[in-house]
């Protein structure tokens, strides 16, 4: 878990990013996002650099200047300014700097989709792709195989998604391939779905049903959950005939399982005692 100091550094960097890109177009934001994610890739492959940039014995201004000297002329000013603010902050562990840089890159991608008016589409596309992966064991194994090069898996994803999703969606899937926040591929996709929903100020509700819900049923369920959580809720519906009937809803760590399958399992357990 990130320390309070690292969260403060991240917040300051996010503010700097917002200020430097206030008038940027969606395409320009996407470019800065790619640059920040490239910096994250550099940090991932250079543990000595991570240690140097989080060395508590060096003043923050010196660490920021080191980062600037490495990046100047290679990326945009907005990217240099943003990641330099991070380097000037305090991190209890070098990996926290990597995680914060990666999160900034994701935030920049989401900002580009938001400015393009496509944030809701990106959220839905990420979820649908996650469903495709979870429903295809061969694909899931291939994309989660850390022994295979990231480049090979990125090429596969690009071939699969080319022309079918928003640019930000494809890029976020590529972020998941590297293990967003140290997670596995499928867990990274889930976290990115939730981060996209949070950008829209929404909670994600994962709903499992035996057959598709009607529009009226979805609207009713969303309204009830929104009232319960005092926040707009984004439903992510998975149709799974094996649950037989009823509805299962998971919001964060809360699980409401009213499926027929659960009731049958409870009955079996009761008779087995």
C-alpha atoms as a PDB file:
ATOM      1  CA  UNK A   1       0.000   0.000   0.000  1.00  0.00           C
ATOM      2  CA  UNK A   2       1.293   3.440  -0.881  1.00  0.00           C
ATOM      3  CA  UNK A   3       2.399   5.692   1.970  1.00  0.00           C
ATOM      4  CA  UNK A   4       0.797   9.036   2.732  1.00  0.00           C
ATOM      5  CA  UNK A   5       3.864  10.828   1.352  1.00  0.00           C
ATOM      6  CA  UNK A   6       3.713   8.949  -1.955  1.00  0.00           C
ATOM      7  CA  UNK A   7      -0.016   9.649  -2.272  1.00  0.00           C
ATOM      8  CA  UNK A   8       0.754  13.330  -1.737  1.00  0.00           C
ATOM      9  CA  UNK A   9       3.425  13.248  -4.454  1.00  0.00           C
ATOM     10  CA  UNK A  10       1.009  11.530  -6.816  1.00  0.00           C
ATOM     11  CA  UNK A  11      -1.680  14.133  -6.129  1.00  0.00           C
ATOM     12  CA  UNK A  12       0.751  16.973  -6.803  1.00  0.00           C
ATOM     13  CA  UNK A  13       1.883  15.356 -10.065  1.00  0.00           C
ATOM     14  CA  UNK A  14      -1.716  14.851 -11.123  1.00  0.00           C
ATOM     15  CA  UNK A  15      -2.441  18.530 -10.455  1.00  0.00           C
ATOM     16  CA  UNK A  16       0.597  19.514 -12.529  1.00  0.00           C
ATOM     17  CA  UNK A  17      -0.528  17.264 -15.372  1.00  0.00           C
ATOM     18  CA  UNK A  18      -4.014  18.806 -15.328  1.00  0.00           C
ATOM     19  CA  UNK A  19      -2.599  22.334 -15.351  1.00  0.00           C
ATOM     20  CA  UNK A  20      -0.149  21.640 -18.184  1.00  0.00           C
ATOM     21  CA  UNK A  21      -2.759  19.927 -20.369  1.00  0.00           C
ATOM     22  CA  UNK A  22      -5.807  22.069 -19.616  1.00  0.00           C
ATOM     23  CA  UNK A  23      -6.152  23.144 -23.253  1.00  0.00           C
ATOM     24  CA  UNK A  24      -4.810  19.973 -24.875  1.00  0.00           C
ATOM     25  CA  UNK A  25      -6.843  18.015 -27.394  1.00  0.00           C
ATOM     26  CA  UNK A  26      -7.747  14.357 -26.889  1.00  0.00           C
ATOM     27  CA  UNK A  27      -4.987  13.368 -29.307  1.00  0.00           C
ATOM     28  CA  UNK A  28      -2.420  15.492 -27.482  1.00  0.00           C
ATOM     29  CA  UNK A  29      -3.444  13.975 -24.153  1.00  0.00           C
ATOM     30  CA  UNK A  30      -3.049  10.506 -25.637  1.00  0.00           C
ATOM     31  CA  UNK A  31       0.473  11.412 -26.762  1.00  0.00           C
ATOM     32  CA  UNK A  32       1.440  12.614 -23.280  1.00  0.00           C
ATOM     33  CA  UNK A  33      -0.093   9.425 -21.840  1.00  0.00           C
ATOM     34  CA  UNK A  34       2.081   7.296 -24.114  1.00  0.00           C
ATOM     35  CA  UNK A  35       5.134   9.274 -23.036  1.00  0.00           C
ATOM     36  CA  UNK A  36       4.380   8.833 -19.335  1.00  0.00           C
ATOM     37  CA  UNK A  37       3.812   5.114 -19.839  1.00  0.00           C
ATOM     38  CA  UNK A  38       7.125   4.930 -21.713  1.00  0.00           C
ATOM     39  CA  UNK A  39       8.783   6.505 -18.672  1.00  0.00           C
ATOM     40  CA  UNK A  40       7.097   3.847 -16.520  1.00  0.00           C
ATOM     41  CA  UNK A  41       8.572   1.221 -18.842  1.00  0.00           C
ATOM     42  CA  UNK A  42      12.005   2.781 -18.381  1.00  0.00           C
ATOM     43  CA  UNK A  43      11.627   2.662 -14.603  1.00  0.00           C
ATOM     44  CA  UNK A  44      10.427  -0.943 -14.748  1.00  0.00           C
ATOM     45  CA  UNK A  45      13.561  -2.007 -16.570  1.00  0.00           C
ATOM     46  CA  UNK A  46      15.998   0.132 -14.563  1.00  0.00           C
ATOM     47  CA  UNK A  47      15.879  -0.704 -10.833  1.00  0.00           C
ATOM     48  CA  UNK A  48      19.032   1.341 -10.191  1.00  0.00           C
ATOM     49  CA  UNK A  49      17.335   4.402 -11.649  1.00  0.00           C
ATOM     50  CA  UNK A  50      14.295   3.808  -9.436  1.00  0.00           C
ATOM     51  CA  UNK A  51      16.538   3.664  -6.379  1.00  0.00           C
ATOM     52  CA  UNK A  52      18.372   6.842  -7.394  1.00  0.00           C
ATOM     53  CA  UNK A  53      15.101   8.701  -7.911  1.00  0.00           C
ATOM     54  CA  UNK A  54      13.746   7.670  -4.505  1.00  0.00           C
ATOM     55  CA  UNK A  55      16.986   8.015  -2.512  1.00  0.00           C
ATOM     56  CA  UNK A  56      15.908   9.795   0.716  1.00  0.00           C
ATOM     57  CA  UNK A  57      19.446  11.148   1.236  1.00  0.00           C
ATOM     58  CA  UNK A  58      19.132  13.305  -1.902  1.00  0.00           C
ATOM     59  CA  UNK A  59      17.028  16.487  -1.887  1.00  0.00           C
ATOM     60  CA  UNK A  60      13.814  16.282  -3.879  1.00  0.00           C
ATOM     61  CA  UNK A  61      14.941  19.075  -6.193  1.00  0.00           C
ATOM     62  CA  UNK A  62      18.068  17.077  -7.095  1.00  0.00           C
ATOM     63  CA  UNK A  63      16.032  13.964  -7.884  1.00  0.00           C
ATOM     64  CA  UNK A  64      13.654  16.017 -10.029  1.00  0.00           C
ATOM     65  CA  UNK A  65      16.583  17.569 -11.888  1.00  0.00           C
ATOM     66  CA  UNK A  66      18.062  14.125 -12.536  1.00  0.00           C
ATOM     67  CA  UNK A  67      14.798  13.016 -14.119  1.00  0.00           C
ATOM     68  CA  UNK A  68      14.586  16.195 -16.179  1.00  0.00           C
ATOM     69  CA  UNK A  69      18.129  15.742 -17.477  1.00  0.00           C
ATOM     70  CA  UNK A  70      17.285  12.195 -18.585  1.00  0.00           C
ATOM     71  CA  UNK A  71      14.041  13.112 -20.347  1.00  0.00           C
ATOM     72  CA  UNK A  72      14.628  16.633 -21.708  1.00  0.00           C
ATOM     73  CA  UNK A  73      14.288  16.753 -25.481  1.00  0.00           C
ATOM     74  CA  UNK A  74      12.930  13.206 -25.647  1.00  0.00           C
ATOM     75  CA  UNK A  75       9.361  13.752 -24.461  1.00  0.00           C
ATOM     76  CA  UNK A  76       6.961  16.684 -24.179  1.00  0.00           C
ATOM     77  CA  UNK A  77       7.318  19.390 -21.561  1.00  0.00           C
ATOM     78  CA  UNK A  78       4.057  18.269 -19.971  1.00  0.00           C
ATOM     79  CA  UNK A  79       5.492  14.774 -19.483  1.00  0.00           C
ATOM     80  CA  UNK A  80       8.794  16.090 -18.098  1.00  0.00           C
ATOM     81  CA  UNK A  81       7.041  18.423 -15.670  1.00  0.00           C
ATOM     82  CA  UNK A  82       4.608  15.781 -14.453  1.00  0.00           C
ATOM     83  CA  UNK A  83       7.085  12.985 -13.765  1.00  0.00           C
ATOM     84  CA  UNK A  84       9.607  15.420 -12.287  1.00  0.00           C
ATOM     85  CA  UNK A  85       7.039  16.397  -9.663  1.00  0.00           C
ATOM     86  CA  UNK A  86       6.793  12.695  -8.817  1.00  0.00           C
ATOM     87  CA  UNK A  87      10.572  12.351  -8.528  1.00  0.00           C
ATOM     88  CA  UNK A  88      10.692  15.314  -6.143  1.00  0.00           C
ATOM     89  CA  UNK A  89       8.255  13.565  -3.818  1.00  0.00           C
ATOM     90  CA  UNK A  90       8.972  11.024  -1.123  1.00  0.00           C
ATOM     91  CA  UNK A  91       8.485   7.305  -1.650  1.00  0.00           C
ATOM     92  CA  UNK A  92       9.138   4.670   0.983  1.00  0.00           C
ATOM     93  CA  UNK A  93       9.986   2.061  -1.677  1.00  0.00           C
ATOM     94  CA  UNK A  94      11.343   2.480  -5.227  1.00  0.00           C
ATOM     95  CA  UNK A  95       8.493   0.396  -6.659  1.00  0.00           C
ATOM     96  CA  UNK A  96       6.028   3.031  -5.448  1.00  0.00           C
ATOM     97  CA  UNK A  97       7.529   5.511  -7.914  1.00  0.00           C
ATOM     98  CA  UNK A  98       6.986   3.024 -10.739  1.00  0.00           C
ATOM     99  CA  UNK A  99       3.387   2.389  -9.663  1.00  0.00           C
ATOM    100  CA  UNK A 100       2.663   6.123  -9.412  1.00  0.00           C
ATOM    101  CA  UNK A 101       4.135   6.814 -12.854  1.00  0.00           C
ATOM    102  CA  UNK A 102       2.098   4.010 -14.373  1.00  0.00           C
ATOM    103  CA  UNK A 103      -1.089   5.291 -12.705  1.00  0.00           C
ATOM    104  CA  UNK A 104      -0.395   8.766 -14.084  1.00  0.00           C
ATOM    105  CA  UNK A 105      -0.117   7.281 -17.560  1.00  0.00           C
ATOM    106  CA  UNK A 106      -3.452   5.524 -17.113  1.00  0.00           C
ATOM    107  CA  UNK A 107      -5.033   8.715 -15.784  1.00  0.00           C
ATOM    108  CA  UNK A 108      -3.752  10.565 -18.863  1.00  0.00           C
ATOM    109  CA  UNK A 109      -5.265   7.918 -21.152  1.00  0.00           C
ATOM    110  CA  UNK A 110      -8.604   8.209 -19.368  1.00  0.00           C
ATOM    111  CA  UNK A 111      -8.408  11.991 -19.631  1.00  0.00           C
ATOM    112  CA  UNK A 112      -7.899  11.670 -23.391  1.00  0.00           C
ATOM    113  CA  UNK A 113     -10.950   9.403 -23.717  1.00  0.00           C
ATOM    114  CA  UNK A 114     -12.989  11.765 -21.547  1.00  0.00           C
ATOM    115  CA  UNK A 115     -12.027  14.766 -23.676  1.00  0.00           C
ATOM    116  CA  UNK A 116     -13.035  12.735 -26.739  1.00  0.00           C
ATOM    117  CA  UNK A 117     -16.430  12.020 -25.156  1.00  0.00           C
ATOM    118  CA  UNK A 118     -15.751   8.259 -25.212  1.00  0.00           C
ATOM    119  CA  UNK A 119     -15.027   7.398 -21.592  1.00  0.00           C
ATOM    120  CA  UNK A 120     -18.181   5.301 -21.155  1.00  0.00           C
ATOM    121  CA  UNK A 121     -17.344   3.410 -24.361  1.00  0.00           C
ATOM    122  CA  UNK A 122     -13.830   2.665 -23.095  1.00  0.00           C
ATOM    123  CA  UNK A 123     -15.223   1.334 -19.817  1.00  0.00           C
ATOM    124  CA  UNK A 124     -17.617  -0.989 -21.641  1.00  0.00           C
ATOM    125  CA  UNK A 125     -14.987  -2.131 -24.153  1.00  0.00           C
ATOM    126  CA  UNK A 126     -12.541  -3.022 -21.403  1.00  0.00           C
ATOM    127  CA  UNK A 127     -15.188  -5.069 -19.609  1.00  0.00           C
ATOM    128  CA  UNK A 128     -16.273  -6.855 -22.789  1.00  0.00           C
ATOM    129  CA  UNK A 129     -12.684  -7.747 -23.637  1.00  0.00           C
ATOM    130  CA  UNK A 130     -12.162  -9.012 -20.083  1.00  0.00           C
ATOM    131  CA  UNK A 131     -15.212 -11.250 -20.580  1.00  0.00           C
ATOM    132  CA  UNK A 132     -13.822 -12.572 -23.853  1.00  0.00           C
ATOM    133  CA  UNK A 133     -10.510 -13.386 -22.173  1.00  0.00           C
ATOM    134  CA  UNK A 134     -12.114 -15.096 -19.167  1.00  0.00           C
ATOM    135  CA  UNK A 135     -14.331 -17.145 -21.498  1.00  0.00           C
ATOM    136  CA  UNK A 136     -11.416 -18.384 -23.613  1.00  0.00           C
ATOM    137  CA  UNK A 137      -8.908 -20.316 -21.528  1.00  0.00           C
ATOM    138  CA  UNK A 138      -6.359 -20.539 -24.335  1.00  0.00           C
ATOM    139  CA  UNK A 139      -6.414 -16.786 -24.889  1.00  0.00           C
ATOM    140  CA  UNK A 140      -6.273 -16.131 -21.140  1.00  0.00           C
ATOM    141  CA  UNK A 141      -3.200 -18.352 -20.741  1.00  0.00           C
ATOM    142  CA  UNK A 142      -1.482 -16.797 -23.756  1.00  0.00           C
ATOM    143  CA  UNK A 143      -2.011 -13.203 -22.639  1.00  0.00           C
ATOM    144  CA  UNK A 144      -1.104 -13.973 -19.012  1.00  0.00           C
ATOM    145  CA  UNK A 145       2.089 -15.866 -19.890  1.00  0.00           C
ATOM    146  CA  UNK A 146       4.878 -13.756 -18.384  1.00  0.00           C
ATOM    147  CA  UNK A 147       7.472 -16.069 -19.962  1.00  0.00           C
ATOM    148  CA  UNK A 148       6.408 -14.747 -23.383  1.00  0.00           C
ATOM    149  CA  UNK A 149       7.677 -11.326 -24.395  1.00  0.00           C
ATOM    150  CA  UNK A 150       5.402  -8.354 -23.823  1.00  0.00           C
ATOM    151  CA  UNK A 151       5.993  -7.357 -27.459  1.00  0.00           C
ATOM    152  CA  UNK A 152       4.538 -10.654 -28.724  1.00  0.00           C
ATOM    153  CA  UNK A 153       1.457 -10.324 -26.518  1.00  0.00           C
ATOM    154  CA  UNK A 154       1.002  -6.653 -27.464  1.00  0.00           C
ATOM    155  CA  UNK A 155       1.052  -7.637 -31.153  1.00  0.00           C
ATOM    156  CA  UNK A 156      -1.608 -10.276 -30.506  1.00  0.00           C
ATOM    157  CA  UNK A 157      -3.824  -7.769 -28.682  1.00  0.00           C
ATOM    158  CA  UNK A 158      -3.405  -5.198 -31.426  1.00  0.00           C
ATOM    159  CA  UNK A 159      -4.370  -7.759 -34.062  1.00  0.00           C
ATOM    160  CA  UNK A 160      -7.429  -8.772 -32.042  1.00  0.00           C
ATOM    161  CA  UNK A 161      -8.639  -5.232 -31.319  1.00  0.00           C
ATOM    162  CA  UNK A 162      -7.598  -3.322 -34.453  1.00  0.00           C
ATOM    163  CA  UNK A 163     -10.453  -1.131 -35.640  1.00  0.00           C
ATOM    164  CA  UNK A 164     -12.834  -2.543 -33.033  1.00  0.00           C
ATOM    165  CA  UNK A 165     -12.241  -0.376 -29.959  1.00  0.00           C
ATOM    166  CA  UNK A 166     -11.244   3.150 -28.992  1.00  0.00           C
ATOM    167  CA  UNK A 167      -7.504   3.866 -29.118  1.00  0.00           C
ATOM    168  CA  UNK A 168      -7.440   4.377 -25.333  1.00  0.00           C
ATOM    169  CA  UNK A 169      -9.037   0.956 -24.790  1.00  0.00           C
ATOM    170  CA  UNK A 170      -6.334  -0.795 -26.777  1.00  0.00           C
ATOM    171  CA  UNK A 171      -3.601   1.085 -24.974  1.00  0.00           C
ATOM    172  CA  UNK A 172      -5.093   0.257 -21.570  1.00  0.00           C
ATOM    173  CA  UNK A 173      -5.207  -3.434 -22.469  1.00  0.00           C
ATOM    174  CA  UNK A 174      -1.500  -3.166 -23.291  1.00  0.00           C
ATOM    175  CA  UNK A 175      -0.927  -1.629 -19.850  1.00  0.00           C
ATOM    176  CA  UNK A 176      -2.674  -4.645 -18.341  1.00  0.00           C
ATOM    177  CA  UNK A 177      -0.239  -6.950 -20.147  1.00  0.00           C
ATOM    178  CA  UNK A 178       2.641  -5.505 -18.124  1.00  0.00           C
ATOM    179  CA  UNK A 179       0.744  -6.145 -14.877  1.00  0.00           C
ATOM    180  CA  UNK A 180      -0.891  -2.893 -13.784  1.00  0.00           C
ATOM    181  CA  UNK A 181       0.087  -2.225 -10.179  1.00  0.00           C
ATOM    182  CA  UNK A 182       1.831  -5.594  -9.936  1.00  0.00           C
ATOM    183  CA  UNK A 183      -1.346  -7.559 -10.700  1.00  0.00           C
ATOM    184  CA  UNK A 184      -1.876 -10.397 -13.155  1.00  0.00           C
ATOM    185  CA  UNK A 185      -3.346  -9.674 -16.576  1.00  0.00           C
ATOM    186  CA  UNK A 186      -7.018 -10.409 -15.848  1.00  0.00           C
ATOM    187  CA  UNK A 187      -6.881  -8.693 -12.451  1.00  0.00           C
ATOM    188  CA  UNK A 188      -5.283  -5.688 -14.168  1.00  0.00           C
ATOM    189  CA  UNK A 189      -8.152  -5.528 -16.661  1.00  0.00           C
ATOM    190  CA  UNK A 190     -10.661  -5.557 -13.812  1.00  0.00           C
ATOM    191  CA  UNK A 191      -8.810  -2.779 -12.010  1.00  0.00           C
ATOM    192  CA  UNK A 192      -8.729  -0.696 -15.186  1.00  0.00           C
ATOM    193  CA  UNK A 193     -12.480  -1.136 -15.672  1.00  0.00           C
ATOM    194  CA  UNK A 194     -12.983   0.150 -12.128  1.00  0.00           C
ATOM    195  CA  UNK A 195     -10.536   3.034 -12.631  1.00  0.00           C
ATOM    196  CA  UNK A 196     -12.462   4.074 -15.750  1.00  0.00           C
ATOM    197  CA  UNK A 197     -15.750   3.944 -13.863  1.00  0.00           C
ATOM    198  CA  UNK A 198     -14.222   5.966 -11.013  1.00  0.00           C
ATOM    199  CA  UNK A 199     -13.185   8.610 -13.546  1.00  0.00           C
ATOM    200  CA  UNK A 200     -16.908   8.874 -14.360  1.00  0.00           C
ATOM    201  CA  UNK A 201     -17.640   9.021 -10.596  1.00  0.00           C
ATOM    202  CA  UNK A 202     -19.336   5.652 -10.677  1.00  0.00           C
ATOM    203  CA  UNK A 203     -19.159   2.424  -8.703  1.00  0.00           C
ATOM    204  CA  UNK A 204     -18.921  -0.845 -10.633  1.00  0.00           C
ATOM    205  CA  UNK A 205     -21.471  -3.574  -9.952  1.00  0.00           C
ATOM    206  CA  UNK A 206     -20.662  -6.997 -11.404  1.00  0.00           C
ATOM    207  CA  UNK A 207     -23.948  -8.764 -12.072  1.00  0.00           C
ATOM    208  CA  UNK A 208     -24.290 -12.471 -12.906  1.00  0.00           C
ATOM    209  CA  UNK A 209     -27.598 -13.821 -14.234  1.00  0.00           C
ATOM    210  CA  UNK A 210     -28.772 -16.980 -15.990  1.00  0.00           C
ATOM    211  CA  UNK A 211     -30.350 -15.074 -18.870  1.00  0.00           C
ATOM    212  CA  UNK A 212     -30.099 -11.488 -20.140  1.00  0.00           C
ATOM    213  CA  UNK A 213     -31.861  -8.777 -18.154  1.00  0.00           C
ATOM    214  CA  UNK A 214     -34.385  -6.547 -19.871  1.00  0.00           C
ATOM    215  CA  UNK A 215     -33.591  -2.851 -20.151  1.00  0.00           C
ATOM    216  CA  UNK A 216     -36.244  -2.170 -17.516  1.00  0.00           C
ATOM    217  CA  UNK A 217     -34.692  -4.724 -15.136  1.00  0.00           C
ATOM    218  CA  UNK A 218     -31.217  -3.204 -15.611  1.00  0.00           C
ATOM    219  CA  UNK A 219     -32.522   0.296 -14.953  1.00  0.00           C
ATOM    220  CA  UNK A 220     -34.368  -0.867 -11.838  1.00  0.00           C
ATOM    221  CA  UNK A 221     -31.346  -2.717 -10.449  1.00  0.00           C
ATOM    222  CA  UNK A 222     -29.021   0.210 -11.190  1.00  0.00           C
ATOM    223  CA  UNK A 223     -31.409   2.602  -9.429  1.00  0.00           C
ATOM    224  CA  UNK A 224     -31.594   0.393  -6.317  1.00  0.00           C
ATOM    225  CA  UNK A 225     -27.829   0.014  -6.124  1.00  0.00           C
ATOM    226  CA  UNK A 226     -27.255   3.719  -6.686  1.00  0.00           C
ATOM    227  CA  UNK A 227     -29.583   4.476  -3.781  1.00  0.00           C
ATOM    228  CA  UNK A 228     -27.808   1.902  -1.619  1.00  0.00           C
ATOM    229  CA  UNK A 229     -24.309   3.245  -2.337  1.00  0.00           C
ATOM    230  CA  UNK A 230     -25.278   6.923  -2.695  1.00  0.00           C
ATOM    231  CA  UNK A 231     -23.418   6.982  -6.001  1.00  0.00           C
ATOM    232  CA  UNK A 232     -24.155   6.257  -9.632  1.00  0.00           C
ATOM    233  CA  UNK A 233     -23.552   2.585 -10.426  1.00  0.00           C
ATOM    234  CA  UNK A 234     -22.246   1.110 -13.662  1.00  0.00           C
ATOM    235  CA  UNK A 235     -23.658  -2.384 -14.227  1.00  0.00           C
ATOM    236  CA  UNK A 236     -21.414  -5.028 -15.785  1.00  0.00           C
ATOM    237  CA  UNK A 237     -23.666  -7.949 -16.638  1.00  0.00           C
ATOM    238  CA  UNK A 238     -22.381 -11.474 -17.257  1.00  0.00           C
ATOM    239  CA  UNK A 239     -24.835 -14.100 -18.507  1.00  0.00           C
ATOM    240  CA  UNK A 240     -23.968 -17.500 -17.012  1.00  0.00           C
ATOM    241  CA  UNK A 241     -26.639 -20.221 -17.437  1.00  0.00           C
ATOM    242  CA  UNK A 242     -24.924 -22.370 -14.789  1.00  0.00           C
ATOM    243  CA  UNK A 243     -26.315 -20.160 -11.990  1.00  0.00           C
ATOM    244  CA  UNK A 244     -29.784 -21.457 -13.064  1.00  0.00           C
ATOM    245  CA  UNK A 245     -31.708 -18.348 -11.997  1.00  0.00           C
ATOM    246  CA  UNK A 246     -31.733 -15.372  -9.670  1.00  0.00           C
ATOM    247  CA  UNK A 247     -29.102 -12.642  -9.530  1.00  0.00           C
ATOM    248  CA  UNK A 248     -25.621 -12.293  -8.044  1.00  0.00           C
ATOM    249  CA  UNK A 249     -24.234  -8.784  -7.512  1.00  0.00           C
ATOM    250  CA  UNK A 250     -20.720  -7.855  -6.406  1.00  0.00           C
ATOM    251  CA  UNK A 251     -19.785  -4.275  -5.582  1.00  0.00           C
ATOM    252  CA  UNK A 252     -16.263  -3.969  -4.224  1.00  0.00           C
ATOM    253  CA  UNK A 253     -15.988  -6.472  -1.374  1.00  0.00           C
ATOM    254  CA  UNK A 254     -19.781  -6.709  -1.000  1.00  0.00           C
ATOM    255  CA  UNK A 255     -21.467  -9.773  -2.479  1.00  0.00           C
ATOM    256  CA  UNK A 256     -25.222 -10.273  -2.764  1.00  0.00           C
ATOM    257  CA  UNK A 257     -25.780 -13.780  -4.104  1.00  0.00           C
ATOM    258  CA  UNK A 258     -29.423 -14.660  -4.703  1.00  0.00           C
ATOM    259  CA  UNK A 259     -28.832 -17.225  -7.421  1.00  0.00           C
ATOM    260  CA  UNK A 260     -30.624 -20.568  -7.553  1.00  0.00           C
ATOM    261  CA  UNK A 261     -27.218 -22.290  -7.695  1.00  0.00           C
ATOM    262  CA  UNK A 262     -26.222 -20.766  -4.349  1.00  0.00           C
ATOM    263  CA  UNK A 263     -29.509 -21.833  -2.738  1.00  0.00           C
ATOM    264  CA  UNK A 264     -29.086 -25.390  -4.048  1.00  0.00           C
ATOM    265  CA  UNK A 265     -25.538 -25.528  -2.708  1.00  0.00           C
ATOM    266  CA  UNK A 266     -26.746 -24.306   0.690  1.00  0.00           C
ATOM    267  CA  UNK A 267     -29.435 -26.974   0.710  1.00  0.00           C
ATOM    268  CA  UNK A 268     -26.872 -29.685  -0.168  1.00  0.00           C
ATOM    269  CA  UNK A 269     -24.638 -28.527   2.678  1.00  0.00           C
ATOM    270  CA  UNK A 270     -27.560 -28.578   5.111  1.00  0.00           C
ATOM    271  CA  UNK A 271     -28.508 -32.150   4.166  1.00  0.00           C
ATOM    272  CA  UNK A 272     -24.870 -33.260   4.384  1.00  0.00           C
ATOM    273  CA  UNK A 273     -24.630 -32.289   8.065  1.00  0.00           C
END
